[in-house]
């Protein structure tokens, strides 16, 4: 999947979750999600991909309710 497609998909998921109402028993609530996305290329190792995704998730959590994309430089 191309990075721009992954980012669009992650943003759609984040938006749907943030704009949905959830309930447990009589209690209704909203939740948010932070998403870190990493895309692999032909030379990426599993460890590099996981590091990029982990770094991106960390950045997204700093902002909260956000999507962040891992970059080669972040690996």
C-alpha atoms as a PDB file:
ATOM      1  CA  UNK A   1       0.000   0.000   0.000  1.00  0.00           C
ATOM      2  CA  UNK A   2       1.346   3.424  -0.886  1.00  0.00           C
ATOM      3  CA  UNK A   3       2.027   5.762   2.050  1.00  0.00           C
ATOM      4  CA  UNK A   4      -0.615   8.307   0.991  1.00  0.00           C
ATOM      5  CA  UNK A   5      -3.249   5.547   0.765  1.00  0.00           C
ATOM      6  CA  UNK A   6      -2.276   4.207   4.184  1.00  0.00           C
ATOM      7  CA  UNK A   7      -2.524   7.695   5.665  1.00  0.00           C
ATOM      8  CA  UNK A   8      -5.972   8.268   4.116  1.00  0.00           C
ATOM      9  CA  UNK A   9      -7.223   4.919   5.412  1.00  0.00           C
ATOM     10  CA  UNK A  10      -5.842   5.529   8.920  1.00  0.00           C
ATOM     11  CA  UNK A  11      -7.440   8.991   8.974  1.00  0.00           C
ATOM     12  CA  UNK A  12     -10.803   7.528   7.935  1.00  0.00           C
ATOM     13  CA  UNK A  13     -10.597   4.965  10.741  1.00  0.00           C
ATOM     14  CA  UNK A  14      -9.600   7.656  13.262  1.00  0.00           C
ATOM     15  CA  UNK A  15     -12.438   9.930  12.123  1.00  0.00           C
ATOM     16  CA  UNK A  16     -15.070   7.165  12.265  1.00  0.00           C
ATOM     17  CA  UNK A  17     -14.043   6.149  15.775  1.00  0.00           C
ATOM     18  CA  UNK A  18     -13.951   9.752  17.039  1.00  0.00           C
ATOM     19  CA  UNK A  19     -17.369  10.555  15.566  1.00  0.00           C
ATOM     20  CA  UNK A  20     -19.167   7.438  16.755  1.00  0.00           C
ATOM     21  CA  UNK A  21     -21.087   7.079  19.972  1.00  0.00           C
ATOM     22  CA  UNK A  22     -20.479   3.993  22.078  1.00  0.00           C
ATOM     23  CA  UNK A  23     -22.431   2.658  25.024  1.00  0.00           C
ATOM     24  CA  UNK A  24     -22.095   0.256  27.883  1.00  0.00           C
ATOM     25  CA  UNK A  25     -25.333  -0.357  29.686  1.00  0.00           C
ATOM     26  CA  UNK A  26     -27.003   3.033  30.168  1.00  0.00           C
ATOM     27  CA  UNK A  27     -23.776   4.986  29.718  1.00  0.00           C
ATOM     28  CA  UNK A  28     -22.938   6.549  26.349  1.00  0.00           C
ATOM     29  CA  UNK A  29     -19.470   7.843  25.540  1.00  0.00           C
ATOM     30  CA  UNK A  30     -17.068   8.822  22.776  1.00  0.00           C
ATOM     31  CA  UNK A  31     -13.513   7.593  22.318  1.00  0.00           C
ATOM     32  CA  UNK A  32     -10.554   8.695  20.264  1.00  0.00           C
ATOM     33  CA  UNK A  33      -7.606   6.828  18.811  1.00  0.00           C
ATOM     34  CA  UNK A  34      -4.055   7.693  17.872  1.00  0.00           C
ATOM     35  CA  UNK A  35      -2.598   5.744  14.947  1.00  0.00           C
ATOM     36  CA  UNK A  36       0.992   5.268  13.836  1.00  0.00           C
ATOM     37  CA  UNK A  37       1.469   4.147  10.236  1.00  0.00           C
ATOM     38  CA  UNK A  38       4.600   2.749   8.611  1.00  0.00           C
ATOM     39  CA  UNK A  39       5.012   1.642   5.030  1.00  0.00           C
ATOM     40  CA  UNK A  40       7.644  -0.806   3.890  1.00  0.00           C
ATOM     41  CA  UNK A  41       9.753  -0.697   0.794  1.00  0.00           C
ATOM     42  CA  UNK A  42      11.640  -3.564  -0.783  1.00  0.00           C
ATOM     43  CA  UNK A  43      14.684  -3.016   1.429  1.00  0.00           C
ATOM     44  CA  UNK A  44      12.851  -2.605   4.771  1.00  0.00           C
ATOM     45  CA  UNK A  45      13.476  -5.109   7.530  1.00  0.00           C
ATOM     46  CA  UNK A  46      10.786  -6.098  10.002  1.00  0.00           C
ATOM     47  CA  UNK A  47      12.681  -4.282  12.764  1.00  0.00           C
ATOM     48  CA  UNK A  48      12.849  -1.073  10.684  1.00  0.00           C
ATOM     49  CA  UNK A  49       9.129  -1.184   9.914  1.00  0.00           C
ATOM     50  CA  UNK A  50       8.211  -1.778  13.553  1.00  0.00           C
ATOM     51  CA  UNK A  51      10.515   1.044  14.672  1.00  0.00           C
ATOM     52  CA  UNK A  52       8.931   3.458  12.167  1.00  0.00           C
ATOM     53  CA  UNK A  53       5.427   2.441  13.276  1.00  0.00           C
ATOM     54  CA  UNK A  54       6.325   2.728  16.954  1.00  0.00           C
ATOM     55  CA  UNK A  55       7.899   6.176  16.474  1.00  0.00           C
ATOM     56  CA  UNK A  56       4.864   7.324  14.479  1.00  0.00           C
ATOM     57  CA  UNK A  57       2.482   6.080  17.176  1.00  0.00           C
ATOM     58  CA  UNK A  58       4.489   7.909  19.834  1.00  0.00           C
ATOM     59  CA  UNK A  59       4.204  11.171  17.830  1.00  0.00           C
ATOM     60  CA  UNK A  60       0.462  10.621  17.311  1.00  0.00           C
ATOM     61  CA  UNK A  61      -0.050  10.058  21.044  1.00  0.00           C
ATOM     62  CA  UNK A  62       1.668  13.363  21.833  1.00  0.00           C
ATOM     63  CA  UNK A  63      -1.003  15.165  19.813  1.00  0.00           C
ATOM     64  CA  UNK A  64      -3.833  12.753  20.737  1.00  0.00           C
ATOM     65  CA  UNK A  65      -6.605  11.718  18.363  1.00  0.00           C
ATOM     66  CA  UNK A  66      -4.160  11.874  15.458  1.00  0.00           C
ATOM     67  CA  UNK A  67      -2.507   9.938  12.654  1.00  0.00           C
ATOM     68  CA  UNK A  68       1.257  10.056  12.226  1.00  0.00           C
ATOM     69  CA  UNK A  69       3.305   8.534   9.437  1.00  0.00           C
ATOM     70  CA  UNK A  70       6.629   6.787  10.028  1.00  0.00           C
ATOM     71  CA  UNK A  71       9.454   7.924   7.795  1.00  0.00           C
ATOM     72  CA  UNK A  72      12.722   6.322   6.777  1.00  0.00           C
ATOM     73  CA  UNK A  73      14.557   9.007   8.768  1.00  0.00           C
ATOM     74  CA  UNK A  74      12.644   7.956  11.913  1.00  0.00           C
ATOM     75  CA  UNK A  75      13.991   4.407  11.696  1.00  0.00           C
END
